[in-house]
PDB file of N, CA and C in Angstrom:
ATOM      1  N   MET A   1      11.469  -5.468  27.860  1.00  0.00           N
ATOM      2  CA  MET A   1      11.164  -5.682  26.673  1.00  0.00           C
ATOM      3  C   MET A   1      10.062  -5.494  26.506  1.00  0.00           C
ATOM      4  N   SER A   2       9.369  -4.804  25.204  1.00  0.00           N
ATOM      5  CA  SER A   2       7.645  -4.801  24.790  1.00  0.00           C
ATOM      6  C   SER A   2       7.523  -5.223  23.883  1.00  0.00           C
ATOM      7  N   ASN A   3       6.111  -6.516  23.819  1.00  0.00           N
ATOM      8  CA  ASN A   3       6.294  -6.976  22.976  1.00  0.00           C
ATOM      9  C   ASN A   3       6.011  -6.618  21.656  1.00  0.00           C
ATOM     10  N   PRO A   4       5.866  -7.004  20.457  1.00  0.00           N
ATOM     11  CA  PRO A   4       6.250  -6.752  18.972  1.00  0.00           C
ATOM     12  C   PRO A   4       4.786  -7.286  18.473  1.00  0.00           C
ATOM     13  N   GLN A   5       3.837  -5.988  17.458  1.00  0.00           N
ATOM     14  CA  GLN A   5       2.179  -6.490  17.317  1.00  0.00           C
ATOM     15  C   GLN A   5       2.450  -6.787  16.589  1.00  0.00           C
ATOM     16  N   PRO A   6       1.381  -8.229  16.748  1.00  0.00           N
ATOM     17  CA  PRO A   6       1.249  -9.434  15.699  1.00  0.00           C
ATOM     18  C   PRO A   6       1.601  -8.926  14.075  1.00  0.00           C
ATOM     19  N   ILE A   7       1.791  -8.875  12.830  1.00  0.00           N
ATOM     20  CA  ILE A   7       2.050  -8.844  11.629  1.00  0.00           C
ATOM     21  C   ILE A   7       0.614  -8.377  11.256  1.00  0.00           C
ATOM     22  N   TYR A   8      -0.604  -9.227  11.798  1.00  0.00           N
ATOM     23  CA  TYR A   8      -1.727  -9.386  10.705  1.00  0.00           C
ATOM     24  C   TYR A   8      -1.802  -8.072  10.866  1.00  0.00           C
ATOM     25  N   VAL A   9      -1.621  -7.353  12.371  1.00  0.00           N
ATOM     26  CA  VAL A   9      -2.558  -6.476  11.911  1.00  0.00           C
ATOM     27  C   VAL A   9      -1.643  -5.428  11.093  1.00  0.00           C
ATOM     28  N   ASP A  10      -0.783  -5.044  10.801  1.00  0.00           N
ATOM     29  CA  ASP A  10      -0.211  -4.807   9.669  1.00  0.00           C
ATOM     30  C   ASP A  10      -0.156  -4.717   8.099  1.00  0.00           C
ATOM     31  N   LEU A  11      -1.006  -6.359   8.142  1.00  0.00           N
ATOM     32  CA  LEU A  11      -1.193  -6.607   6.676  1.00  0.00           C
ATOM     33  C   LEU A  11      -2.344  -6.270   6.342  1.00  0.00           C
ATOM     34  N   LEU A  12      -3.116  -6.569   7.299  1.00  0.00           N
ATOM     35  CA  LEU A  12      -4.449  -5.772   7.122  1.00  0.00           C
ATOM     36  C   LEU A  12      -5.007  -4.182   7.485  1.00  0.00           C
ATOM     37  N   ALA A  13      -4.368  -3.872   7.484  1.00  0.00           N
ATOM     38  CA  ALA A  13      -3.978  -2.583   7.281  1.00  0.00           C
ATOM     39  C   ALA A  13      -3.776  -2.334   6.046  1.00  0.00           C
ATOM     40  N   GLU A  14      -1.885  -2.815   5.182  1.00  0.00           N
ATOM     41  CA  GLU A  14      -2.170  -2.409   4.473  1.00  0.00           C
ATOM     42  C   GLU A  14      -3.070  -2.949   4.037  1.00  0.00           C
ATOM     43  N   ALA A  15      -3.416  -3.868   3.881  1.00  0.00           N
ATOM     44  CA  ALA A  15      -4.678  -4.835   2.488  1.00  0.00           C
ATOM     45  C   ALA A  15      -6.634  -3.818   1.596  1.00  0.00           C
ATOM     46  N   LEU A  16      -5.880  -3.653   3.622  1.00  0.00           N
ATOM     47  CA  LEU A  16      -7.643  -2.340   3.120  1.00  0.00           C
ATOM     48  C   LEU A  16      -6.985  -0.637   2.648  1.00  0.00           C
ATOM     49  N   GLY A  17      -5.665  -0.119   2.711  1.00  0.00           N
ATOM     50  CA  GLY A  17      -4.892   0.716   2.349  1.00  0.00           C
ATOM     51  C   GLY A  17      -4.884   2.234   3.460  1.00  0.00           C
ATOM     52  N   ILE A  18      -5.080   1.077   5.049  1.00  0.00           N
ATOM     53  CA  ILE A  18      -5.482   2.006   6.528  1.00  0.00           C
ATOM     54  C   ILE A  18      -3.880   2.154   6.251  1.00  0.00           C
ATOM     55  N   GLU A  19      -3.660   3.715   6.398  1.00  0.00           N
ATOM     56  CA  GLU A  19      -2.722   3.913   7.453  1.00  0.00           C
ATOM     57  C   GLU A  19      -1.987   4.261   8.749  1.00  0.00           C
ATOM     58  N   LEU A  20      -1.116   3.007   9.242  1.00  0.00           N
ATOM     59  CA  LEU A  20      -1.255   2.791  10.439  1.00  0.00           C
ATOM     60  C   LEU A  20      -0.308   3.667  11.157  1.00  0.00           C
ATOM     61  N   LEU A  21       0.567   4.885  12.335  1.00  0.00           N
ATOM     62  CA  LEU A  21       1.496   5.484  12.364  1.00  0.00           C
ATOM     63  C   LEU A  21       1.416   6.403  13.690  1.00  0.00           C
ATOM     64  N   MET A  22       2.505   6.731  13.942  1.00  0.00           N
ATOM     65  CA  MET A  22       2.554   7.072  15.851  1.00  0.00           C
ATOM     66  C   MET A  22       2.100   8.877  15.794  1.00  0.00           C
ATOM     67  N   ASP A  23       0.965   9.171  15.911  1.00  0.00           N
ATOM     68  CA  ASP A  23       0.858  10.744  16.861  1.00  0.00           C
ATOM     69  C   ASP A  23       0.747  10.839  17.816  1.00  0.00           C
ATOM     70  N   GLY A  24       2.058  11.432  18.491  1.00  0.00           N
ATOM     71  CA  GLY A  24       1.940  12.052  19.516  1.00  0.00           C
ATOM     72  C   GLY A  24       2.570  10.519  20.006  1.00  0.00           C
ATOM     73  N   ASN A  25       2.075  10.026  21.575  1.00  0.00           N
ATOM     74  CA  ASN A  25       2.298   8.641  21.894  1.00  0.00           C
ATOM     75  C   ASN A  25       1.251   7.928  21.555  1.00  0.00           C
ATOM     76  N   ALA A  26      -0.002   8.660  20.923  1.00  0.00           N
ATOM     77  CA  ALA A  26      -1.047   6.715  20.768  1.00  0.00           C
ATOM     78  C   ALA A  26      -0.354   7.084  18.553  1.00  0.00           C
ATOM     79  N   TRP A  27      -0.725   5.468  18.729  1.00  0.00           N
ATOM     80  CA  TRP A  27      -0.871   5.097  16.995  1.00  0.00           C
ATOM     81  C   TRP A  27      -2.443   5.432  16.837  1.00  0.00           C
ATOM     82  N   CYS A  28      -2.556   5.765  15.070  1.00  0.00           N
ATOM     83  CA  CYS A  28      -3.137   6.260  14.716  1.00  0.00           C
ATOM     84  C   CYS A  28      -3.777   5.703  13.766  1.00  0.00           C
ATOM     85  N   ALA A  29      -5.359   5.338  13.134  1.00  0.00           N
ATOM     86  CA  ALA A  29      -4.770   4.389  11.607  1.00  0.00           C
ATOM     87  C   ALA A  29      -6.220   5.329  10.951  1.00  0.00           C
ATOM     88  N   ARG A  30      -5.306   6.280   9.902  1.00  0.00           N
ATOM     89  CA  ARG A  30      -6.466   6.481   8.908  1.00  0.00           C
ATOM     90  C   ARG A  30      -6.881   6.273   7.768  1.00  0.00           C
ATOM     91  N   GLU A  31      -8.758   6.450   7.646  1.00  0.00           N
ATOM     92  CA  GLU A  31      -8.585   6.063   6.829  1.00  0.00           C
ATOM     93  C   GLU A  31      -8.385   5.915   5.454  1.00  0.00           C
ATOM     94  N   PRO A  32      -8.662   4.662   4.312  1.00  0.00           N
ATOM     95  CA  PRO A  32      -7.972   5.574   2.843  1.00  0.00           C
ATOM     96  C   PRO A  32      -8.748   6.726   2.505  1.00  0.00           C
ATOM     97  N   ASN A  33      -7.929   7.961   1.130  1.00  0.00           N
ATOM     98  CA  ASN A  33      -8.020   8.726   0.590  1.00  0.00           C
ATOM     99  C   ASN A  33      -8.410   9.673   2.051  1.00  0.00           C
ATOM    100  N   PHE A  34      -7.523   9.669   2.952  1.00  0.00           N
ATOM    101  CA  PHE A  34      -7.470  11.014   4.714  1.00  0.00           C
ATOM    102  C   PHE A  34      -7.124  11.783   3.900  1.00  0.00           C
ATOM    103  N   GLN A  35      -7.971  12.750   3.951  1.00  0.00           N
ATOM    104  CA  GLN A  35      -8.018  14.415   4.174  1.00  0.00           C
ATOM    105  C   GLN A  35      -7.294  15.063   5.180  1.00  0.00           C
ATOM    106  N   ASN A  36      -8.315  15.161   5.824  1.00  0.00           N
ATOM    107  CA  ASN A  36      -7.558  15.709   7.714  1.00  0.00           C
ATOM    108  C   ASN A  36      -9.234  15.225   8.882  1.00  0.00           C
ATOM    109  N   LEU A  37      -8.612  15.605  10.460  1.00  0.00           N
ATOM    110  CA  LEU A  37      -9.306  15.378  11.425  1.00  0.00           C
ATOM    111  C   LEU A  37     -10.627  15.754  10.796  1.00  0.00           C
ATOM    112  N   GLN A  38     -10.896  16.803  10.274  1.00  0.00           N
ATOM    113  CA  GLN A  38     -12.241  17.416  10.192  1.00  0.00           C
ATOM    114  C   GLN A  38     -13.214  16.783   9.112  1.00  0.00           C
ATOM    115  N   GLU A  39     -12.341  16.398   8.467  1.00  0.00           N
ATOM    116  CA  GLU A  39     -12.932  15.759   7.235  1.00  0.00           C
ATOM    117  C   GLU A  39     -12.747  14.639   6.855  1.00  0.00           C
ATOM    118  N   SER A  40     -12.669  13.085   8.089  1.00  0.00           N
ATOM    119  CA  SER A  40     -11.894  11.953   6.996  1.00  0.00           C
ATOM    120  C   SER A  40     -12.187  11.869   9.121  1.00  0.00           C
ATOM    121  N   CYS A  41     -12.001   9.999   8.668  1.00  0.00           N
ATOM    122  CA  CYS A  41     -12.095   9.161  10.020  1.00  0.00           C
ATOM    123  C   CYS A  41     -10.910   8.983  10.338  1.00  0.00           C
ATOM    124  N   ALA A  42     -10.463   8.610  11.631  1.00  0.00           N
ATOM    125  CA  ALA A  42      -9.250   8.556  11.866  1.00  0.00           C
ATOM    126  C   ALA A  42      -9.516   7.552  13.766  1.00  0.00           C
ATOM    127  N   GLY A  43      -8.619   6.711  13.698  1.00  0.00           N
ATOM    128  CA  GLY A  43      -9.099   5.554  15.188  1.00  0.00           C
ATOM    129  C   GLY A  43      -7.059   5.991  16.000  1.00  0.00           C
ATOM    130  N   PHE A  44      -7.807   6.039  17.032  1.00  0.00           N
ATOM    131  CA  PHE A  44      -6.173   6.316  18.151  1.00  0.00           C
ATOM    132  C   PHE A  44      -6.754   4.975  18.605  1.00  0.00           C
ATOM    133  N   GLY A  45      -5.247   4.841  19.747  1.00  0.00           N
ATOM    134  CA  GLY A  45      -5.132   3.453  20.628  1.00  0.00           C
ATOM    135  C   GLY A  45      -3.784   3.959  21.144  1.00  0.00           C
ATOM    136  N   ASP A  46      -3.657   2.858  22.264  1.00  0.00           N
ATOM    137  CA  ASP A  46      -2.132   2.474  22.883  1.00  0.00           C
ATOM    138  C   ASP A  46      -1.328   1.530  21.479  1.00  0.00           C
ATOM    139  N   THR A  47      -2.306   0.964  20.536  1.00  0.00           N
ATOM    140  CA  THR A  47      -1.174  -0.511  20.387  1.00  0.00           C
ATOM    141  C   THR A  47      -2.128  -0.159  18.533  1.00  0.00           C
ATOM    142  N   LYS A  48      -1.181  -0.778  17.306  1.00  0.00           N
ATOM    143  CA  LYS A  48      -1.812  -0.146  15.942  1.00  0.00           C
ATOM    144  C   LYS A  48      -3.091  -1.010  15.963  1.00  0.00           C
ATOM    145  N   GLU A  49      -3.377  -1.762  16.729  1.00  0.00           N
ATOM    146  CA  GLU A  49      -5.083  -3.288  17.308  1.00  0.00           C
ATOM    147  C   GLU A  49      -5.881  -2.109  17.551  1.00  0.00           C
ATOM    148  N   ASP A  50      -5.915  -1.292  18.885  1.00  0.00           N
ATOM    149  CA  ASP A  50      -6.370  -0.906  18.928  1.00  0.00           C
ATOM    150  C   ASP A  50      -6.897   0.410  18.541  1.00  0.00           C
ATOM    151  N   ALA A  51      -6.410   1.036  17.218  1.00  0.00           N
ATOM    152  CA  ALA A  51      -6.406   1.983  17.060  1.00  0.00           C
ATOM    153  C   ALA A  51      -7.330   1.245  15.541  1.00  0.00           C
ATOM    154  N   LEU A  52      -6.672   0.424  14.798  1.00  0.00           N
ATOM    155  CA  LEU A  52      -7.284  -0.074  13.619  1.00  0.00           C
ATOM    156  C   LEU A  52      -9.057  -0.354  13.612  1.00  0.00           C
ATOM    157  N   ARG A  53      -9.114  -0.696  15.108  1.00  0.00           N
ATOM    158  CA  ARG A  53     -10.548  -1.271  16.212  1.00  0.00           C
ATOM    159  C   ARG A  53     -10.996  -0.041  16.129  1.00  0.00           C
ATOM    160  N   ASP A  54     -10.414   1.049  16.712  1.00  0.00           N
ATOM    161  CA  ASP A  54     -11.705   2.788  16.930  1.00  0.00           C
ATOM    162  C   ASP A  54     -11.675   2.827  16.072  1.00  0.00           C
ATOM    163  N   LEU A  55     -11.089   2.714  14.386  1.00  0.00           N
ATOM    164  CA  LEU A  55     -11.409   3.672  13.647  1.00  0.00           C
ATOM    165  C   LEU A  55     -12.551   2.415  12.815  1.00  0.00           C
ATOM    166  N   ALA A  56     -12.281   1.151  13.039  1.00  0.00           N
ATOM    167  CA  ALA A  56     -13.389   0.058  12.614  1.00  0.00           C
ATOM    168  C   ALA A  56     -15.187   0.478  13.326  1.00  0.00           C
ATOM    169  N   GLU A  57     -14.339   0.518  14.406  1.00  0.00           N
ATOM    170  CA  GLU A  57     -15.830   0.992  14.811  1.00  0.00           C
ATOM    171  C   GLU A  57     -16.894   2.341  14.446  1.00  0.00           C
ATOM    172  N   GLN A  58     -15.548   3.251  14.365  1.00  0.00           N
ATOM    173  CA  GLN A  58     -15.720   4.716  12.976  1.00  0.00           C
ATOM    174  C   GLN A  58     -16.879   4.782  11.946  1.00  0.00           C
ATOM    175  N   VAL A  59     -15.789   3.525  10.956  1.00  0.00           N
ATOM    176  CA  VAL A  59     -16.424   2.841  10.033  1.00  0.00           C
ATOM    177  C   VAL A  59     -16.926   1.513   9.618  1.00  0.00           C
ATOM    178  N   PRO A  60     -18.034   1.336  10.041  1.00  0.00           N
ATOM    179  CA  PRO A  60     -18.712   0.116   9.913  1.00  0.00           C
ATOM    180  C   PRO A  60     -17.776  -0.702   7.975  1.00  0.00           C
ATOM    181  N   GLU A  61     -18.107   0.575   7.444  1.00  0.00           N
ATOM    182  CA  GLU A  61     -18.430   0.078   5.966  1.00  0.00           C
ATOM    183  C   GLU A  61     -17.044  -1.026   5.534  1.00  0.00           C
ATOM    184  N   LEU A  62     -16.116  -0.708   5.864  1.00  0.00           N
ATOM    185  CA  LEU A  62     -14.361  -0.944   6.190  1.00  0.00           C
ATOM    186  C   LEU A  62     -14.440  -3.017   5.859  1.00  0.00           C
ATOM    187  N   GLY A  63     -15.650  -3.007   7.319  1.00  0.00           N
ATOM    188  CA  GLY A  63     -15.888  -4.552   7.547  1.00  0.00           C
ATOM    189  C   GLY A  63     -15.018  -5.533   8.757  1.00  0.00           C
ATOM    190  N   ILE A  64     -13.993  -4.671   9.240  1.00  0.00           N
ATOM    191  CA  ILE A  64     -12.960  -5.044   9.663  1.00  0.00           C
ATOM    192  C   ILE A  64     -13.905  -5.412  11.018  1.00  0.00           C
ATOM    193  N   LEU A  65     -14.457  -5.256  11.795  1.00  0.00           N
ATOM    194  CA  LEU A  65     -15.144  -6.097  12.517  1.00  0.00           C
ATOM    195  C   LEU A  65     -16.082  -7.247  12.685  1.00  0.00           C
ATOM    196  N   HIS A  66     -15.914  -7.989  12.893  1.00  0.00           N
ATOM    197  CA  HIS A  66     -17.233  -8.725  13.287  1.00  0.00           C
ATOM    198  C   HIS A  66     -19.333  -8.847  14.259  1.00  0.00           C
ATOM    199  N   GLN A  67     -19.360  -9.048  12.834  1.00  0.00           N
ATOM    200  CA  GLN A  67     -20.931  -8.837  13.612  1.00  0.00           C
ATOM    201  C   GLN A  67     -20.882  -9.353  14.568  1.00  0.00           C
TER     202      GLN A  67
END
């Protein structure tokens, strides 16, 4: 049985307008106003948290990561 993702990841994503979804076998976090991968940023990872962290590293303006 796998461990469920902490609900705070979903709440944080929702508060920031970030969409979390499965893309193939990886989680994808898409920034607000996502158009496509050529024009917009997206983060990927094995978990929702990893995908959100990957997106945060690309878009520091989201203010997710601590300095």
